[in-house]
Amino acid sequence: MEDLGGGYRTLFHLENSFNAMNGQSGSLFNRWATIGLFNVDFGTVLLGRELFISNGVWDFDPFG
């Protein structure tokens, strides 16, 4: 999280995976890649790719 001043902050989360059996990796940041903007008064907006869709009752991975 980086402070931009005026109550604004940037957010970013980059995550990659690899196969533990052979060490090969998929595409860059194939698990999680988001960037966002946070403001104390207005909340948070995130854009990008998130790994899981979850509501606490069921988990769903759209990529597989």
C-alpha atoms as a PDB file:
ATOM      1  CA  MET A   1       0.000   0.000   0.000  1.00  0.00           C
ATOM      2  CA  GLU A   2       1.400   3.373  -1.001  1.00  0.00           C
ATOM      3  CA  ASP A   3       0.149   6.664   0.413  1.00  0.00           C
ATOM      4  CA  LEU A   4      -0.644   9.200  -2.318  1.00  0.00           C
ATOM      5  CA  GLY A   5      -1.743  11.940   0.075  1.00  0.00           C
ATOM      6  CA  GLY A   6      -5.139  13.548   0.515  1.00  0.00           C
ATOM      7  CA  GLY A   7      -6.582  10.319   1.957  1.00  0.00           C
ATOM      8  CA  TYR A   8      -5.783   8.282  -1.174  1.00  0.00           C
ATOM      9  CA  ARG A   9      -3.690   5.102  -1.259  1.00  0.00           C
ATOM     10  CA  THR A  10      -2.806   2.659  -4.022  1.00  0.00           C
ATOM     11  CA  LEU A  11      -3.117  -1.080  -3.457  1.00  0.00           C
ATOM     12  CA  PHE A  12      -1.469  -3.885  -5.383  1.00  0.00           C
ATOM     13  CA  HIS A  13      -1.188  -7.654  -5.016  1.00  0.00           C
ATOM     14  CA  LEU A  14       0.829  -9.800  -7.450  1.00  0.00           C
ATOM     15  CA  GLU A  15       1.111 -13.561  -6.998  1.00  0.00           C
ATOM     16  CA  ASN A  16       2.571 -16.313  -9.180  1.00  0.00           C
ATOM     17  CA  SER A  17       2.504 -20.104  -8.872  1.00  0.00           C
ATOM     18  CA  PHE A  18       4.773 -22.944  -9.909  1.00  0.00           C
ATOM     19  CA  ASN A  19       4.611 -26.724 -10.176  1.00  0.00           C
ATOM     20  CA  ALA A  20       6.462 -28.180  -7.170  1.00  0.00           C
ATOM     21  CA  MET A  21       7.192 -31.432  -9.029  1.00  0.00           C
ATOM     22  CA  ASN A  22       9.185 -29.907 -11.899  1.00  0.00           C
ATOM     23  CA  GLY A  23       9.634 -26.219 -10.990  1.00  0.00           C
ATOM     24  CA  GLN A  24       7.861 -24.930 -14.086  1.00  0.00           C
ATOM     25  CA  SER A  25       5.741 -21.824 -13.875  1.00  0.00           C
ATOM     26  CA  GLY A  26       2.670 -20.817 -15.835  1.00  0.00           C
ATOM     27  CA  SER A  27       2.133 -17.333 -17.175  1.00  0.00           C
ATOM     28  CA  LEU A  28       3.400 -14.433 -15.083  1.00  0.00           C
ATOM     29  CA  PHE A  29       1.142 -13.602 -12.113  1.00  0.00           C
ATOM     30  CA  ASN A  30      -1.290 -16.369 -13.062  1.00  0.00           C
ATOM     31  CA  ARG A  31      -2.850 -16.615  -9.589  1.00  0.00           C
ATOM     32  CA  TRP A  32      -3.516 -13.083  -8.413  1.00  0.00           C
ATOM     33  CA  ALA A  33      -2.874  -9.701 -10.030  1.00  0.00           C
ATOM     34  CA  THR A  34      -4.840  -6.711  -8.755  1.00  0.00           C
ATOM     35  CA  ILE A  35      -4.302  -2.998  -8.428  1.00  0.00           C
ATOM     36  CA  GLY A  36      -6.629  -0.606  -6.677  1.00  0.00           C
ATOM     37  CA  LEU A  37      -7.324   2.760  -5.185  1.00  0.00           C
ATOM     38  CA  PHE A  38      -8.412   3.359  -1.581  1.00  0.00           C
ATOM     39  CA  ASN A  39      -9.931   6.500  -0.088  1.00  0.00           C
ATOM     40  CA  VAL A  40     -10.988   7.032   3.512  1.00  0.00           C
ATOM     41  CA  ASP A  41     -14.309   8.614   2.488  1.00  0.00           C
ATOM     42  CA  PHE A  42     -15.217   6.614  -0.643  1.00  0.00           C
ATOM     43  CA  GLY A  43     -13.858   3.092  -0.015  1.00  0.00           C
ATOM     44  CA  THR A  44     -11.857   0.763  -2.274  1.00  0.00           C
ATOM     45  CA  VAL A  45     -11.915  -0.049  -5.985  1.00  0.00           C
ATOM     46  CA  LEU A  46      -9.951  -3.092  -7.200  1.00  0.00           C
ATOM     47  CA  LEU A  47      -9.216  -4.100 -10.797  1.00  0.00           C
ATOM     48  CA  GLY A  48      -7.552  -7.268 -11.993  1.00  0.00           C
ATOM     49  CA  ARG A  49      -7.555 -11.009 -11.539  1.00  0.00           C
ATOM     50  CA  GLU A  50      -8.383 -12.698  -8.227  1.00  0.00           C
ATOM     51  CA  LEU A  51      -7.892 -16.399  -7.610  1.00  0.00           C
ATOM     52  CA  PHE A  52     -11.034 -17.419  -5.725  1.00  0.00           C
ATOM     53  CA  ILE A  53     -14.676 -16.459  -5.629  1.00  0.00           C
ATOM     54  CA  SER A  54     -15.834 -17.391  -2.146  1.00  0.00           C
ATOM     55  CA  ASN A  55     -18.724 -16.544   0.109  1.00  0.00           C
ATOM     56  CA  GLY A  56     -17.802 -18.806   3.024  1.00  0.00           C
ATOM     57  CA  VAL A  57     -20.302 -21.506   2.012  1.00  0.00           C
ATOM     58  CA  TRP A  58     -18.679 -22.699  -1.226  1.00  0.00           C
ATOM     59  CA  ASP A  59     -15.415 -22.055  -3.048  1.00  0.00           C
ATOM     60  CA  PHE A  60     -15.115 -21.788  -6.822  1.00  0.00           C
ATOM     61  CA  ASP A  61     -11.946 -21.415  -8.859  1.00  0.00           C
ATOM     62  CA  PRO A  62     -12.931 -20.246 -12.374  1.00  0.00           C
ATOM     63  CA  PHE A  63      -9.466 -21.097 -13.715  1.00  0.00           C
ATOM     64  CA  GLY A  64      -9.480 -24.563 -12.608  1.00  0.00           C
END
